[in-house]
C-alpha atoms as a PDB file:
ATOM      1  CA  UNK A   1      28.658  15.342  43.215  1.00  0.00           C
ATOM      2  CA  UNK A   2      26.255  17.831  41.633  1.00  0.00           C
ATOM      3  CA  UNK A   3      22.510  18.020  42.345  1.00  0.00           C
ATOM      4  CA  UNK A   4      20.145  16.982  39.545  1.00  0.00           C
ATOM      5  CA  UNK A   5      18.773  19.682  37.274  1.00  0.00           C
ATOM      6  CA  UNK A   6      15.199  20.720  38.019  1.00  0.00           C
ATOM      7  CA  UNK A   7      14.700  23.460  35.396  1.00  0.00           C
ATOM      8  CA  UNK A   8      16.281  24.502  32.107  1.00  0.00           C
ATOM      9  CA  UNK A   9      16.608  28.068  30.851  1.00  0.00           C
ATOM     10  CA  UNK A  10      17.143  28.528  27.105  1.00  0.00           C
ATOM     11  CA  UNK A  11      18.473  31.954  26.084  1.00  0.00           C
ATOM     12  CA  UNK A  12      18.296  33.174  22.476  1.00  0.00           C
ATOM     13  CA  UNK A  13      19.605  36.660  21.620  1.00  0.00           C
ATOM     14  CA  UNK A  14      18.152  38.123  18.420  1.00  0.00           C
ATOM     15  CA  UNK A  15      18.740  41.249  16.377  1.00  0.00           C
ATOM     16  CA  UNK A  16      16.724  41.579  13.174  1.00  0.00           C
ATOM     17  CA  UNK A  17      16.249  37.824  12.757  1.00  0.00           C
ATOM     18  CA  UNK A  18      12.682  37.687  11.414  1.00  0.00           C
ATOM     19  CA  UNK A  19      13.708  35.218   8.700  1.00  0.00           C
ATOM     20  CA  UNK A  20      15.545  32.649  10.825  1.00  0.00           C
ATOM     21  CA  UNK A  21      14.136  32.929  14.354  1.00  0.00           C
ATOM     22  CA  UNK A  22      11.031  30.829  13.695  1.00  0.00           C
ATOM     23  CA  UNK A  23      13.038  27.735  12.766  1.00  0.00           C
ATOM     24  CA  UNK A  24      15.243  28.262  15.814  1.00  0.00           C
ATOM     25  CA  UNK A  25      12.277  28.396  18.198  1.00  0.00           C
ATOM     26  CA  UNK A  26      10.531  25.438  16.558  1.00  0.00           C
ATOM     27  CA  UNK A  27      13.663  23.364  17.135  1.00  0.00           C
ATOM     28  CA  UNK A  28      14.000  24.526  20.754  1.00  0.00           C
ATOM     29  CA  UNK A  29      10.359  23.601  21.410  1.00  0.00           C
ATOM     30  CA  UNK A  30      10.884  20.141  19.957  1.00  0.00           C
ATOM     31  CA  UNK A  31      13.997  19.651  22.088  1.00  0.00           C
ATOM     32  CA  UNK A  32      12.090  20.815  25.165  1.00  0.00           C
ATOM     33  CA  UNK A  33       9.440  18.150  24.520  1.00  0.00           C
ATOM     34  CA  UNK A  34      12.080  15.444  24.947  1.00  0.00           C
ATOM     35  CA  UNK A  35      12.873  16.200  28.603  1.00  0.00           C
ATOM     36  CA  UNK A  36      10.806  15.922  31.771  1.00  0.00           C
ATOM     37  CA  UNK A  37      11.881  19.112  33.567  1.00  0.00           C
ATOM     38  CA  UNK A  38      10.392  22.575  32.919  1.00  0.00           C
ATOM     39  CA  UNK A  39      12.000  24.629  30.146  1.00  0.00           C
ATOM     40  CA  UNK A  40      11.884  28.435  30.161  1.00  0.00           C
ATOM     41  CA  UNK A  41      12.819  29.925  26.743  1.00  0.00           C
ATOM     42  CA  UNK A  42      13.820  33.596  26.767  1.00  0.00           C
ATOM     43  CA  UNK A  43      14.306  35.542  23.526  1.00  0.00           C
ATOM     44  CA  UNK A  44      16.210  38.802  23.856  1.00  0.00           C
ATOM     45  CA  UNK A  45      15.174  41.354  21.229  1.00  0.00           C
ATOM     46  CA  UNK A  46      18.209  43.593  21.071  1.00  0.00           C
ATOM     47  CA  UNK A  47      17.664  46.762  19.050  1.00  0.00           C
ATOM     48  CA  UNK A  48      15.420  44.963  16.559  1.00  0.00           C
ATOM     49  CA  UNK A  49      14.092  47.124  13.713  1.00  0.00           C
ATOM     50  CA  UNK A  50      12.359  44.454  11.606  1.00  0.00           C
ATOM     51  CA  UNK A  51       9.547  41.981  12.270  1.00  0.00           C
ATOM     52  CA  UNK A  52      11.452  39.736  14.667  1.00  0.00           C
ATOM     53  CA  UNK A  53       9.046  40.360  17.541  1.00  0.00           C
ATOM     54  CA  UNK A  54       6.077  39.250  15.446  1.00  0.00           C
ATOM     55  CA  UNK A  55       7.683  35.809  15.055  1.00  0.00           C
ATOM     56  CA  UNK A  56       7.166  35.233  18.792  1.00  0.00           C
ATOM     57  CA  UNK A  57       3.380  35.554  18.735  1.00  0.00           C
ATOM     58  CA  UNK A  58       1.624  32.442  19.958  1.00  0.00           C
ATOM     59  CA  UNK A  59       4.830  30.593  20.769  1.00  0.00           C
ATOM     60  CA  UNK A  60       4.669  30.821  24.554  1.00  0.00           C
ATOM     61  CA  UNK A  61       8.192  32.137  24.986  1.00  0.00           C
ATOM     62  CA  UNK A  62       9.334  34.966  27.211  1.00  0.00           C
ATOM     63  CA  UNK A  63      10.539  38.009  25.283  1.00  0.00           C
ATOM     64  CA  UNK A  64      12.468  40.961  26.616  1.00  0.00           C
ATOM     65  CA  UNK A  65      13.693  44.043  24.769  1.00  0.00           C
ATOM     66  CA  UNK A  66      17.152  45.507  25.252  1.00  0.00           C
ATOM     67  CA  UNK A  67      19.139  48.359  23.744  1.00  0.00           C
ATOM     68  CA  UNK A  68      22.591  47.134  24.771  1.00  0.00           C
ATOM     69  CA  UNK A  69      23.619  46.635  21.171  1.00  0.00           C
ATOM     70  CA  UNK A  70      25.969  43.709  21.839  1.00  0.00           C
ATOM     71  CA  UNK A  71      25.491  39.967  22.033  1.00  0.00           C
ATOM     72  CA  UNK A  72      27.210  39.614  25.411  1.00  0.00           C
ATOM     73  CA  UNK A  73      24.904  42.121  27.034  1.00  0.00           C
ATOM     74  CA  UNK A  74      21.873  40.543  25.356  1.00  0.00           C
ATOM     75  CA  UNK A  75      22.774  37.066  26.575  1.00  0.00           C
ATOM     76  CA  UNK A  76      23.378  38.384  30.090  1.00  0.00           C
ATOM     77  CA  UNK A  77      19.994  40.127  30.097  1.00  0.00           C
ATOM     78  CA  UNK A  78      18.280  36.930  28.977  1.00  0.00           C
ATOM     79  CA  UNK A  79      19.920  34.933  31.738  1.00  0.00           C
ATOM     80  CA  UNK A  80      18.947  37.510  34.353  1.00  0.00           C
ATOM     81  CA  UNK A  81      15.309  37.430  33.254  1.00  0.00           C
ATOM     82  CA  UNK A  82      15.209  33.648  33.134  1.00  0.00           C
ATOM     83  CA  UNK A  83      16.763  33.226  36.566  1.00  0.00           C
ATOM     84  CA  UNK A  84      14.357  35.823  37.939  1.00  0.00           C
ATOM     85  CA  UNK A  85      11.518  33.616  36.766  1.00  0.00           C
ATOM     86  CA  UNK A  86      13.158  30.581  38.370  1.00  0.00           C
ATOM     87  CA  UNK A  87      13.897  32.074  41.779  1.00  0.00           C
ATOM     88  CA  UNK A  88      12.152  29.137  43.470  1.00  0.00           C
ATOM     89  CA  UNK A  89      14.821  26.789  42.078  1.00  0.00           C
ATOM     90  CA  UNK A  90      18.338  26.727  43.514  1.00  0.00           C
ATOM     91  CA  UNK A  91      20.979  27.923  41.056  1.00  0.00           C
ATOM     92  CA  UNK A  92      22.849  24.614  41.266  1.00  0.00           C
ATOM     93  CA  UNK A  93      19.704  22.917  39.931  1.00  0.00           C
ATOM     94  CA  UNK A  94      19.181  25.250  36.950  1.00  0.00           C
ATOM     95  CA  UNK A  95      20.846  24.607  33.591  1.00  0.00           C
ATOM     96  CA  UNK A  96      21.328  27.545  31.205  1.00  0.00           C
ATOM     97  CA  UNK A  97      21.340  26.372  27.572  1.00  0.00           C
ATOM     98  CA  UNK A  98      22.415  28.990  25.035  1.00  0.00           C
ATOM     99  CA  UNK A  99      21.896  29.133  21.304  1.00  0.00           C
ATOM    100  CA  UNK A 100      21.508  31.771  18.568  1.00  0.00           C
ATOM    101  CA  UNK A 101      18.559  33.006  16.540  1.00  0.00           C
ATOM    102  CA  UNK A 102      20.207  31.876  13.277  1.00  0.00           C
ATOM    103  CA  UNK A 103      20.731  28.332  14.569  1.00  0.00           C
ATOM    104  CA  UNK A 104      18.707  25.110  14.729  1.00  0.00           C
ATOM    105  CA  UNK A 105      19.303  22.728  17.613  1.00  0.00           C
ATOM    106  CA  UNK A 106      18.872  18.964  17.193  1.00  0.00           C
ATOM    107  CA  UNK A 107      15.928  17.110  18.716  1.00  0.00           C
ATOM    108  CA  UNK A 108      18.121  15.575  21.447  1.00  0.00           C
ATOM    109  CA  UNK A 109      19.957  18.819  22.269  1.00  0.00           C
ATOM    110  CA  UNK A 110      18.433  19.512  25.673  1.00  0.00           C
ATOM    111  CA  UNK A 111      18.308  15.829  26.569  1.00  0.00           C
ATOM    112  CA  UNK A 112      22.050  15.619  25.946  1.00  0.00           C
ATOM    113  CA  UNK A 113      22.755  18.775  27.947  1.00  0.00           C
ATOM    114  CA  UNK A 114      20.592  17.510  30.802  1.00  0.00           C
ATOM    115  CA  UNK A 115      22.241  14.074  30.827  1.00  0.00           C
ATOM    116  CA  UNK A 116      25.691  15.645  31.068  1.00  0.00           C
ATOM    117  CA  UNK A 117      24.607  18.125  33.736  1.00  0.00           C
ATOM    118  CA  UNK A 118      23.082  15.352  35.839  1.00  0.00           C
ATOM    119  CA  UNK A 119      26.324  13.407  35.401  1.00  0.00           C
ATOM    120  CA  UNK A 120      28.182  16.331  37.019  1.00  0.00           C
ATOM    121  CA  UNK A 121      29.056  18.810  34.254  1.00  0.00           C
ATOM    122  CA  UNK A 122      29.188  22.505  35.149  1.00  0.00           C
ATOM    123  CA  UNK A 123      29.881  23.690  31.590  1.00  0.00           C
ATOM    124  CA  UNK A 124      29.114  22.016  28.273  1.00  0.00           C
ATOM    125  CA  UNK A 125      30.835  23.260  25.127  1.00  0.00           C
ATOM    126  CA  UNK A 126      29.253  21.816  22.010  1.00  0.00           C
ATOM    127  CA  UNK A 127      30.053  21.888  18.313  1.00  0.00           C
ATOM    128  CA  UNK A 128      28.251  23.360  15.301  1.00  0.00           C
ATOM    129  CA  UNK A 129      27.541  22.397  11.706  1.00  0.00           C
ATOM    130  CA  UNK A 130      27.262  24.962   8.920  1.00  0.00           C
ATOM    131  CA  UNK A 131      24.240  25.541   6.707  1.00  0.00           C
ATOM    132  CA  UNK A 132      23.882  27.686   3.613  1.00  0.00           C
ATOM    133  CA  UNK A 133      27.588  28.283   3.037  1.00  0.00           C
ATOM    134  CA  UNK A 134      29.245  28.179  -0.412  1.00  0.00           C
ATOM    135  CA  UNK A 135      30.861  24.875  -1.361  1.00  0.00           C
ATOM    136  CA  UNK A 136      34.407  26.263  -1.153  1.00  0.00           C
ATOM    137  CA  UNK A 137      33.773  27.548   2.347  1.00  0.00           C
ATOM    138  CA  UNK A 138      32.237  24.238   3.427  1.00  0.00           C
ATOM    139  CA  UNK A 139      35.361  22.473   2.208  1.00  0.00           C
ATOM    140  CA  UNK A 140      37.664  24.836   4.099  1.00  0.00           C
ATOM    141  CA  UNK A 141      35.484  24.513   7.191  1.00  0.00           C
ATOM    142  CA  UNK A 142      35.506  20.708   7.172  1.00  0.00           C
ATOM    143  CA  UNK A 143      39.305  20.741   6.859  1.00  0.00           C
ATOM    144  CA  UNK A 144      39.841  23.202   9.701  1.00  0.00           C
ATOM    145  CA  UNK A 145      37.062  22.302  12.145  1.00  0.00           C
ATOM    146  CA  UNK A 146      37.448  19.647  14.857  1.00  0.00           C
ATOM    147  CA  UNK A 147      34.046  17.962  15.229  1.00  0.00           C
ATOM    148  CA  UNK A 148      34.976  15.449  17.927  1.00  0.00           C
ATOM    149  CA  UNK A 149      34.799  15.073  21.685  1.00  0.00           C
ATOM    150  CA  UNK A 150      37.544  17.099  23.346  1.00  0.00           C
ATOM    151  CA  UNK A 151      37.392  19.738  20.599  1.00  0.00           C
ATOM    152  CA  UNK A 152      38.891  23.209  21.246  1.00  0.00           C
ATOM    153  CA  UNK A 153      35.888  25.306  20.171  1.00  0.00           C
ATOM    154  CA  UNK A 154      33.550  27.608  22.087  1.00  0.00           C
ATOM    155  CA  UNK A 155      30.233  28.556  20.473  1.00  0.00           C
ATOM    156  CA  UNK A 156      27.488  30.641  22.032  1.00  0.00           C
ATOM    157  CA  UNK A 157      25.152  28.714  19.718  1.00  0.00           C
ATOM    158  CA  UNK A 158      25.807  25.516  21.675  1.00  0.00           C
ATOM    159  CA  UNK A 159      26.861  26.254  25.232  1.00  0.00           C
ATOM    160  CA  UNK A 160      25.313  25.075  28.484  1.00  0.00           C
ATOM    161  CA  UNK A 161      26.268  26.068  32.008  1.00  0.00           C
ATOM    162  CA  UNK A 162      24.996  25.383  35.511  1.00  0.00           C
ATOM    163  CA  UNK A 163      23.552  28.607  36.937  1.00  0.00           C
ATOM    164  CA  UNK A 164      25.685  28.372  40.087  1.00  0.00           C
ATOM    165  CA  UNK A 165      28.859  28.094  37.988  1.00  0.00           C
ATOM    166  CA  UNK A 166      27.656  30.931  35.761  1.00  0.00           C
ATOM    167  CA  UNK A 167      27.232  33.213  38.750  1.00  0.00           C
ATOM    168  CA  UNK A 168      30.606  32.314  40.264  1.00  0.00           C
ATOM    169  CA  UNK A 169      32.243  33.112  36.921  1.00  0.00           C
ATOM    170  CA  UNK A 170      30.618  36.549  36.742  1.00  0.00           C
ATOM    171  CA  UNK A 171      28.216  35.745  33.908  1.00  0.00           C
ATOM    172  CA  UNK A 172      28.387  36.889  30.288  1.00  0.00           C
ATOM    173  CA  UNK A 173      30.409  40.051  29.799  1.00  0.00           C
ATOM    174  CA  UNK A 174      28.616  42.889  27.998  1.00  0.00           C
ATOM    175  CA  UNK A 175      30.916  42.796  24.968  1.00  0.00           C
ATOM    176  CA  UNK A 176      30.333  42.723  21.224  1.00  0.00           C
ATOM    177  CA  UNK A 177      32.238  39.498  20.623  1.00  0.00           C
ATOM    178  CA  UNK A 178      33.727  36.480  22.446  1.00  0.00           C
ATOM    179  CA  UNK A 179      31.452  36.712  25.456  1.00  0.00           C
ATOM    180  CA  UNK A 180      31.149  32.920  25.189  1.00  0.00           C
ATOM    181  CA  UNK A 181      34.926  32.454  25.195  1.00  0.00           C
ATOM    182  CA  UNK A 182      35.285  34.726  28.230  1.00  0.00           C
ATOM    183  CA  UNK A 183      32.650  32.839  30.168  1.00  0.00           C
ATOM    184  CA  UNK A 184      34.176  29.473  29.306  1.00  0.00           C
ATOM    185  CA  UNK A 185      37.595  30.671  30.475  1.00  0.00           C
ATOM    186  CA  UNK A 186      36.174  32.045  33.724  1.00  0.00           C
ATOM    187  CA  UNK A 187      34.279  28.842  34.526  1.00  0.00           C
ATOM    188  CA  UNK A 188      37.271  26.717  33.562  1.00  0.00           C
ATOM    189  CA  UNK A 189      39.552  28.729  35.834  1.00  0.00           C
ATOM    190  CA  UNK A 190      37.779  27.174  38.823  1.00  0.00           C
ATOM    191  CA  UNK A 191      39.731  23.977  39.593  1.00  0.00           C
ATOM    192  CA  UNK A 192      36.557  22.374  40.919  1.00  0.00           C
ATOM    193  CA  UNK A 193      34.537  23.036  37.739  1.00  0.00           C
ATOM    194  CA  UNK A 194      33.710  20.113  35.453  1.00  0.00           C
ATOM    195  CA  UNK A 195      33.998  21.209  31.811  1.00  0.00           C
ATOM    196  CA  UNK A 196      32.822  18.923  29.013  1.00  0.00           C
ATOM    197  CA  UNK A 197      33.712  19.432  25.355  1.00  0.00           C
ATOM    198  CA  UNK A 198      31.332  17.274  23.354  1.00  0.00           C
ATOM    199  CA  UNK A 199      30.401  16.730  19.718  1.00  0.00           C
ATOM    200  CA  UNK A 200      27.359  14.572  20.491  1.00  0.00           C
ATOM    201  CA  UNK A 201      24.675  17.207  19.800  1.00  0.00           C
ATOM    202  CA  UNK A 202      25.916  19.652  17.146  1.00  0.00           C
ATOM    203  CA  UNK A 203      23.806  22.716  16.405  1.00  0.00           C
ATOM    204  CA  UNK A 204      23.259  23.762  12.794  1.00  0.00           C
ATOM    205  CA  UNK A 205      24.197  27.409  12.456  1.00  0.00           C
ATOM    206  CA  UNK A 206      24.074  29.863   9.593  1.00  0.00           C
ATOM    207  CA  UNK A 207      27.035  30.006   7.267  1.00  0.00           C
ATOM    208  CA  UNK A 208      26.322  33.627   6.365  1.00  0.00           C
ATOM    209  CA  UNK A 209      29.337  35.885   6.014  1.00  0.00           C
ATOM    210  CA  UNK A 210      27.680  39.072   7.247  1.00  0.00           C
ATOM    211  CA  UNK A 211      26.321  38.701  10.772  1.00  0.00           C
ATOM    212  CA  UNK A 212      25.124  40.849  13.647  1.00  0.00           C
ATOM    213  CA  UNK A 213      28.353  40.749  15.682  1.00  0.00           C
ATOM    214  CA  UNK A 214      31.355  42.317  13.903  1.00  0.00           C
ATOM    215  CA  UNK A 215      34.462  40.253  14.533  1.00  0.00           C
ATOM    216  CA  UNK A 216      32.459  37.196  15.533  1.00  0.00           C
ATOM    217  CA  UNK A 217      31.697  33.869  13.846  1.00  0.00           C
ATOM    218  CA  UNK A 218      30.941  35.374  10.437  1.00  0.00           C
ATOM    219  CA  UNK A 219      34.291  37.157  10.470  1.00  0.00           C
ATOM    220  CA  UNK A 220      35.983  33.828  11.158  1.00  0.00           C
ATOM    221  CA  UNK A 221      34.167  32.303   8.182  1.00  0.00           C
ATOM    222  CA  UNK A 222      35.224  35.191   5.954  1.00  0.00           C
ATOM    223  CA  UNK A 223      38.817  34.540   6.976  1.00  0.00           C
ATOM    224  CA  UNK A 224      38.452  30.882   6.045  1.00  0.00           C
ATOM    225  CA  UNK A 225      36.956  31.800   2.690  1.00  0.00           C
ATOM    226  CA  UNK A 226      39.841  34.133   1.929  1.00  0.00           C
ATOM    227  CA  UNK A 227      42.548  31.646   2.897  1.00  0.00           C
END
């Protein structure tokens, strides 16, 4: 049995995302309105050189600045700050929901994460939908991608983890790519961990081919386009 969740931390790393971050945060706020527990959004401004920080004005989100220069380190910094603000809540009762600045979560995103956490999940691995990709790439994506429960994917744009499980697994590694895959493997290596792979609340993510993390999701899409 797992204790019920009493607070949710939402971590959003951002590097030069002035164009897309607003839609991301609007969607997170709407999702937060659907649940009864407190939600602490943390945006990590990692080496931003554009107007990304200005997007946060008046939104009531926590913002921290980092110079780590990698998404893994940015996510880890966001989690640390969020958990610092939630020190009054036991780690087993905190849910860490992760998404990306170029992504838009559905209205029921946090409600779904919370339902699964309260049902006993330690790690939730969700799916994504593409937006803004060329038709040929969308076709290749739909052929290759498994958008069903039990899927094999790991996306930082749609990943939730109980804070106690996150800590036992060592947290996000400070790496430029696949920090989400590493965390999922570390949590899953615990035989007592409950890992859920669900397609019930897909997150819409950018289909751009040039992204902030070399070798990451955009590189995968470029490979699909070339195949």
